[in-house]
Amino acid sequence: MKNKLILTAAAGAFALVALAGCSSSSTSTAAAPGAASTTSAASAAPAYGGAAGASAAASGATSAGASGTVDAQTASTSLGTIVVNGAGMTAYFFDKDTKGASTSACTGGCATAWPEITTNSSAPTVEGITGTVGTITGVDGKLQITINGLPIYTYAADTAPGQTSGQGFGGIWHVIGADGSEIMTPAAG
């Protein structure tokens, strides 16, 4: 019981830090027509919740970024087919990002809590994603993957493939369907 209380308190503290880092009023308005390369492929992510430990099995997860591996893919979950990174970690959209912008709106503490999903190629290797896949230059200077013109992220509090604890976080973070749509369904758990 004591360990559960400590874990709950730690998760709550992390959530407050993550929310504070993501509540800035900065938005990106710089449009970069044609700046993102596009490739059709597959990827997916889970849905709503905020409760740590909500999980679903990520199928076919591989390590991301290495040559010959998948940068993003899809996984079957209780929320349906969602986008995950190459390691099977759930992918999220940030509602403060602007479609087609050349930069992410998630910087500073937000970028620490919500790491960008990156690739080594302007044409990311993806499986199962039917939305338009491209890239922008991320906050750390690496290529950040985009789906339908929006950058994608993981959530630092998700510690295992298939977890969806960032779904619905602050009302501005949502998992992604294979077609690039936001999944608004609450996460199971």
C-alpha atoms as a PDB file:
ATOM      1  CA  MET A   1       0.000   0.000   0.000  1.00  0.00           C
ATOM      2  CA  LYS A   2       2.841   2.389   0.855  1.00  0.00           C
ATOM      3  CA  ASN A   3       4.540   1.775  -2.528  1.00  0.00           C
ATOM      4  CA  LYS A   4       1.252   2.389  -4.357  1.00  0.00           C
ATOM      5  CA  LEU A   5       0.826   5.695  -2.500  1.00  0.00           C
ATOM      6  CA  ILE A   6       4.369   6.775  -3.393  1.00  0.00           C
ATOM      7  CA  LEU A   7       3.849   5.839  -7.067  1.00  0.00           C
ATOM      8  CA  THR A   8       0.536   7.694  -7.144  1.00  0.00           C
ATOM      9  CA  ALA A   9       2.128  10.810  -5.611  1.00  0.00           C
ATOM     10  CA  ALA A  10       5.057  10.640  -8.048  1.00  0.00           C
ATOM     11  CA  ALA A  11       2.715  10.258 -11.027  1.00  0.00           C
ATOM     12  CA  GLY A  12       0.669  13.228  -9.828  1.00  0.00           C
ATOM     13  CA  ALA A  13       3.764  15.404  -9.439  1.00  0.00           C
ATOM     14  CA  PHE A  14       4.966  14.418 -12.911  1.00  0.00           C
ATOM     15  CA  ALA A  15       1.543  15.235 -14.353  1.00  0.00           C
ATOM     16  CA  LEU A  16       1.622  18.727 -12.812  1.00  0.00           C
ATOM     17  CA  VAL A  17       5.098  19.394 -14.238  1.00  0.00           C
ATOM     18  CA  ALA A  18       4.043  18.065 -17.648  1.00  0.00           C
ATOM     19  CA  LEU A  19       0.877  20.163 -17.672  1.00  0.00           C
ATOM     20  CA  ALA A  20       2.778  23.280 -16.628  1.00  0.00           C
ATOM     21  CA  GLY A  21       5.275  22.706 -19.424  1.00  0.00           C
ATOM     22  CA  CYS A  22       2.467  22.331 -21.952  1.00  0.00           C
ATOM     23  CA  SER A  23       0.241  25.176 -20.959  1.00  0.00           C
ATOM     24  CA  SER A  24       2.245  27.944 -22.584  1.00  0.00           C
ATOM     25  CA  SER A  25       0.324  30.223 -24.873  1.00  0.00           C
ATOM     26  CA  SER A  26       2.875  30.009 -27.647  1.00  0.00           C
ATOM     27  CA  THR A  27       1.604  28.725 -30.932  1.00  0.00           C
ATOM     28  CA  SER A  28       3.352  28.139 -34.177  1.00  0.00           C
ATOM     29  CA  THR A  29       2.093  30.093 -37.143  1.00  0.00           C
ATOM     30  CA  ALA A  30       4.969  29.825 -39.597  1.00  0.00           C
ATOM     31  CA  ALA A  31       3.630  27.861 -42.521  1.00  0.00           C
ATOM     32  CA  ALA A  32       6.020  25.875 -44.599  1.00  0.00           C
ATOM     33  CA  PRO A  33       4.202  24.893 -47.745  1.00  0.00           C
ATOM     34  CA  GLY A  34       5.962  21.970 -49.309  1.00  0.00           C
ATOM     35  CA  ALA A  35       8.575  21.837 -46.539  1.00  0.00           C
ATOM     36  CA  ALA A  36       7.470  18.472 -45.252  1.00  0.00           C
ATOM     37  CA  SER A  37       8.161  15.430 -47.368  1.00  0.00           C
ATOM     38  CA  THR A  38       5.248  13.082 -47.688  1.00  0.00           C
ATOM     39  CA  THR A  39       4.953   9.337 -47.761  1.00  0.00           C
ATOM     40  CA  SER A  40       1.876   7.201 -47.195  1.00  0.00           C
ATOM     41  CA  ALA A  41       2.313   4.424 -44.673  1.00  0.00           C
ATOM     42  CA  ALA A  42       1.087   3.131 -41.301  1.00  0.00           C
ATOM     43  CA  SER A  43       1.154   4.195 -37.638  1.00  0.00           C
ATOM     44  CA  ALA A  44      -1.252   4.404 -34.717  1.00  0.00           C
ATOM     45  CA  ALA A  45      -1.853   5.517 -31.105  1.00  0.00           C
ATOM     46  CA  PRO A  46      -4.258   4.920 -28.185  1.00  0.00           C
ATOM     47  CA  ALA A  47      -6.955   7.114 -26.644  1.00  0.00           C
ATOM     48  CA  TYR A  48      -8.107   9.047 -23.533  1.00  0.00           C
ATOM     49  CA  GLY A  49      -7.509   8.590 -19.901  1.00  0.00           C
ATOM     50  CA  GLY A  50      -4.752  10.235 -17.926  1.00  0.00           C
ATOM     51  CA  ALA A  51      -4.564   7.171 -15.691  1.00  0.00           C
ATOM     52  CA  ALA A  52      -1.061   5.750 -15.692  1.00  0.00           C
ATOM     53  CA  GLY A  53      -0.912   2.099 -16.515  1.00  0.00           C
ATOM     54  CA  ALA A  54      -3.703   2.007 -19.091  1.00  0.00           C
ATOM     55  CA  SER A  55      -2.240  -0.297 -21.659  1.00  0.00           C
ATOM     56  CA  ALA A  56      -2.856  -2.220 -24.821  1.00  0.00           C
ATOM     57  CA  ALA A  57      -0.663  -4.666 -26.661  1.00  0.00           C
ATOM     58  CA  ALA A  58       1.470  -3.043 -29.338  1.00  0.00           C
ATOM     59  CA  SER A  59       2.018  -5.486 -32.126  1.00  0.00           C
ATOM     60  CA  GLY A  60       5.181  -5.679 -34.196  1.00  0.00           C
ATOM     61  CA  ALA A  61       7.148  -3.053 -32.278  1.00  0.00           C
ATOM     62  CA  THR A  62      10.719  -2.461 -33.385  1.00  0.00           C
ATOM     63  CA  SER A  63      13.370   0.034 -32.389  1.00  0.00           C
ATOM     64  CA  ALA A  64      13.042   3.435 -34.028  1.00  0.00           C
ATOM     65  CA  GLY A  65      15.510   5.483 -35.982  1.00  0.00           C
ATOM     66  CA  ALA A  66      18.069   2.817 -36.890  1.00  0.00           C
ATOM     67  CA  SER A  67      18.675   1.996 -40.531  1.00  0.00           C
ATOM     68  CA  GLY A  68      16.333  -0.718 -41.753  1.00  0.00           C
ATOM     69  CA  THR A  69      13.852  -0.280 -38.890  1.00  0.00           C
ATOM     70  CA  VAL A  70      10.408   1.273 -38.674  1.00  0.00           C
ATOM     71  CA  ASP A  71      10.125   4.876 -37.428  1.00  0.00           C
ATOM     72  CA  ALA A  72       6.355   4.702 -36.849  1.00  0.00           C
ATOM     73  CA  GLN A  73       3.702   2.043 -37.245  1.00  0.00           C
ATOM     74  CA  THR A  74       0.262   0.991 -36.094  1.00  0.00           C
ATOM     75  CA  ALA A  75      -0.823  -1.177 -33.180  1.00  0.00           C
ATOM     76  CA  SER A  76      -4.126  -2.801 -32.303  1.00  0.00           C
ATOM     77  CA  THR A  77      -5.556  -1.602 -28.971  1.00  0.00           C
ATOM     78  CA  SER A  78      -8.869  -1.414 -27.132  1.00  0.00           C
ATOM     79  CA  LEU A  79      -9.220   2.023 -28.751  1.00  0.00           C
ATOM     80  CA  GLY A  80      -8.799   0.559 -32.209  1.00  0.00           C
ATOM     81  CA  THR A  81      -5.780   0.814 -34.465  1.00  0.00           C
ATOM     82  CA  ILE A  82      -3.473   3.593 -33.298  1.00  0.00           C
ATOM     83  CA  VAL A  83      -0.096   5.110 -34.250  1.00  0.00           C
ATOM     84  CA  VAL A  84       2.978   4.150 -32.221  1.00  0.00           C
ATOM     85  CA  ASN A  85       6.683   4.844 -32.678  1.00  0.00           C
ATOM     86  CA  GLY A  86       9.077   2.133 -33.835  1.00  0.00           C
ATOM     87  CA  ALA A  87       9.435   0.872 -30.261  1.00  0.00           C
ATOM     88  CA  GLY A  88       5.662   0.551 -29.827  1.00  0.00           C
ATOM     89  CA  MET A  89       5.197   3.664 -27.667  1.00  0.00           C
ATOM     90  CA  THR A  90       1.915   5.520 -28.235  1.00  0.00           C
ATOM     91  CA  ALA A  91       1.995   8.589 -30.494  1.00  0.00           C
ATOM     92  CA  TYR A  92       0.064  11.769 -29.641  1.00  0.00           C
ATOM     93  CA  PHE A  93      -1.007  15.015 -31.304  1.00  0.00           C
ATOM     94  CA  PHE A  94      -0.739  18.353 -29.429  1.00  0.00           C
ATOM     95  CA  ASP A  95      -3.780  20.591 -30.053  1.00  0.00           C
ATOM     96  CA  LYS A  96      -1.631  23.741 -29.883  1.00  0.00           C
ATOM     97  CA  ASP A  97       0.315  22.708 -32.995  1.00  0.00           C
ATOM     98  CA  THR A  98      -0.690  24.300 -36.298  1.00  0.00           C
ATOM     99  CA  LYS A  99      -1.235  22.033 -39.300  1.00  0.00           C
ATOM    100  CA  GLY A 100       1.454  22.671 -41.925  1.00  0.00           C
ATOM    101  CA  ALA A 101       3.665  24.768 -39.615  1.00  0.00           C
ATOM    102  CA  SER A 102       7.422  24.285 -39.901  1.00  0.00           C
ATOM    103  CA  THR A 103       7.958  24.102 -36.119  1.00  0.00           C
ATOM    104  CA  SER A 104       6.436  22.459 -33.062  1.00  0.00           C
ATOM    105  CA  ALA A 105       4.487  24.430 -30.451  1.00  0.00           C
ATOM    106  CA  CYS A 106       5.773  22.035 -27.750  1.00  0.00           C
ATOM    107  CA  THR A 107       9.049  23.464 -26.416  1.00  0.00           C
ATOM    108  CA  GLY A 108      10.906  23.705 -23.098  1.00  0.00           C
ATOM    109  CA  GLY A 109       9.271  21.678 -20.310  1.00  0.00           C
ATOM    110  CA  CYS A 110       6.581  20.529 -22.715  1.00  0.00           C
ATOM    111  CA  ALA A 111       9.222  18.934 -24.986  1.00  0.00           C
ATOM    112  CA  THR A 112      10.714  17.145 -21.966  1.00  0.00           C
ATOM    113  CA  ALA A 113       7.360  15.637 -20.967  1.00  0.00           C
ATOM    114  CA  TRP A 114       6.281  14.990 -24.568  1.00  0.00           C
ATOM    115  CA  PRO A 115       9.353  13.884 -26.562  1.00  0.00           C
ATOM    116  CA  GLU A 116       9.095  14.269 -30.306  1.00  0.00           C
ATOM    117  CA  ILE A 117       9.093  11.162 -32.490  1.00  0.00           C
ATOM    118  CA  THR A 118      12.084  11.529 -34.764  1.00  0.00           C
ATOM    119  CA  THR A 119      13.574   9.920 -37.831  1.00  0.00           C
ATOM    120  CA  ASN A 120      16.923   9.953 -39.604  1.00  0.00           C
ATOM    121  CA  SER A 121      15.292  10.400 -43.015  1.00  0.00           C
ATOM    122  CA  SER A 122      13.121  13.031 -44.693  1.00  0.00           C
ATOM    123  CA  ALA A 123      11.059  10.030 -45.870  1.00  0.00           C
ATOM    124  CA  PRO A 124      10.284   8.166 -42.607  1.00  0.00           C
ATOM    125  CA  THR A 125       9.844   4.400 -42.689  1.00  0.00           C
ATOM    126  CA  VAL A 126       6.306   3.657 -41.548  1.00  0.00           C
ATOM    127  CA  GLU A 127       3.902   0.703 -41.594  1.00  0.00           C
ATOM    128  CA  GLY A 128       0.106   0.756 -41.512  1.00  0.00           C
ATOM    129  CA  ILE A 129      -0.279   4.552 -41.483  1.00  0.00           C
ATOM    130  CA  THR A 130      -2.655   5.791 -44.156  1.00  0.00           C
ATOM    131  CA  GLY A 131      -2.369   9.489 -43.280  1.00  0.00           C
ATOM    132  CA  THR A 132       0.212  11.645 -45.070  1.00  0.00           C
ATOM    133  CA  VAL A 133       3.604  11.250 -43.398  1.00  0.00           C
ATOM    134  CA  GLY A 134       6.289  13.952 -43.499  1.00  0.00           C
ATOM    135  CA  THR A 135       8.841  15.759 -41.340  1.00  0.00           C
ATOM    136  CA  ILE A 136       9.670  19.128 -39.808  1.00  0.00           C
ATOM    137  CA  THR A 137      12.760  20.247 -37.922  1.00  0.00           C
ATOM    138  CA  GLY A 138      12.060  19.413 -34.275  1.00  0.00           C
ATOM    139  CA  VAL A 139      13.013  21.439 -31.201  1.00  0.00           C
ATOM    140  CA  ASP A 140      16.294  19.541 -30.856  1.00  0.00           C
ATOM    141  CA  GLY A 141      17.217  20.016 -34.529  1.00  0.00           C
ATOM    142  CA  LYS A 142      16.362  16.424 -35.532  1.00  0.00           C
ATOM    143  CA  LEU A 143      13.688  15.520 -38.069  1.00  0.00           C
ATOM    144  CA  GLN A 144      10.343  15.185 -36.283  1.00  0.00           C
ATOM    145  CA  ILE A 145       7.724  12.991 -37.952  1.00  0.00           C
ATOM    146  CA  THR A 146       4.410  14.567 -38.938  1.00  0.00           C
ATOM    147  CA  ILE A 147       1.098  12.965 -39.888  1.00  0.00           C
ATOM    148  CA  ASN A 148      -1.301  15.020 -42.003  1.00  0.00           C
ATOM    149  CA  GLY A 149       0.905  18.071 -41.349  1.00  0.00           C
ATOM    150  CA  LEU A 150       0.967  17.777 -37.534  1.00  0.00           C
ATOM    151  CA  PRO A 151       4.035  16.740 -35.471  1.00  0.00           C
ATOM    152  CA  ILE A 152       3.789  13.594 -33.360  1.00  0.00           C
ATOM    153  CA  TYR A 153       5.081  12.900 -29.845  1.00  0.00           C
ATOM    154  CA  THR A 154       5.336  10.225 -27.174  1.00  0.00           C
ATOM    155  CA  TYR A 155       4.530  10.833 -23.482  1.00  0.00           C
ATOM    156  CA  ALA A 156       7.343  10.421 -20.925  1.00  0.00           C
ATOM    157  CA  ALA A 157       4.923   8.938 -18.363  1.00  0.00           C
ATOM    158  CA  ASP A 158       4.118   6.049 -20.721  1.00  0.00           C
ATOM    159  CA  THR A 159       6.794   3.564 -19.666  1.00  0.00           C
ATOM    160  CA  ALA A 160       5.830   0.529 -21.758  1.00  0.00           C
ATOM    161  CA  PRO A 161       4.509  -0.074 -25.270  1.00  0.00           C
ATOM    162  CA  GLY A 162       0.747   0.280 -25.538  1.00  0.00           C
ATOM    163  CA  GLN A 163       0.278   2.575 -22.527  1.00  0.00           C
ATOM    164  CA  THR A 164      -2.017   5.526 -23.247  1.00  0.00           C
ATOM    165  CA  SER A 165      -1.793   7.584 -20.064  1.00  0.00           C
ATOM    166  CA  GLY A 166      -1.409  10.814 -22.049  1.00  0.00           C
ATOM    167  CA  GLN A 167      -4.747  10.420 -23.831  1.00  0.00           C
ATOM    168  CA  GLY A 168      -6.868  13.500 -23.207  1.00  0.00           C
ATOM    169  CA  PHE A 169      -4.197  15.011 -20.943  1.00  0.00           C
ATOM    170  CA  GLY A 170      -5.117  18.628 -20.222  1.00  0.00           C
ATOM    171  CA  GLY A 171      -7.762  18.330 -22.941  1.00  0.00           C
ATOM    172  CA  ILE A 172      -5.024  19.005 -25.524  1.00  0.00           C
ATOM    173  CA  TRP A 173      -3.207  15.680 -26.100  1.00  0.00           C
ATOM    174  CA  HIS A 174      -4.765  12.889 -28.161  1.00  0.00           C
ATOM    175  CA  VAL A 175      -3.728   9.566 -29.608  1.00  0.00           C
ATOM    176  CA  ILE A 176      -3.730   9.175 -33.366  1.00  0.00           C
ATOM    177  CA  GLY A 177      -5.639   6.820 -35.635  1.00  0.00           C
ATOM    178  CA  ALA A 178      -3.916   5.174 -38.628  1.00  0.00           C
ATOM    179  CA  ASP A 179      -5.543   7.744 -40.939  1.00  0.00           C
ATOM    180  CA  GLY A 180      -4.105  10.645 -38.918  1.00  0.00           C
ATOM    181  CA  SER A 181      -7.301  11.500 -37.062  1.00  0.00           C
ATOM    182  CA  GLU A 182      -7.363  12.325 -33.351  1.00  0.00           C
ATOM    183  CA  ILE A 183      -8.947   9.608 -31.255  1.00  0.00           C
ATOM    184  CA  MET A 184     -11.170  11.250 -28.660  1.00  0.00           C
ATOM    185  CA  THR A 185     -12.378   8.070 -26.905  1.00  0.00           C
ATOM    186  CA  PRO A 186     -11.321   7.766 -23.263  1.00  0.00           C
ATOM    187  CA  ALA A 187      -8.609   5.168 -22.621  1.00  0.00           C
ATOM    188  CA  ALA A 188      -9.634   1.988 -20.865  1.00  0.00           C
ATOM    189  CA  GLY A 189      -8.236   1.525 -17.413  1.00  0.00           C
END
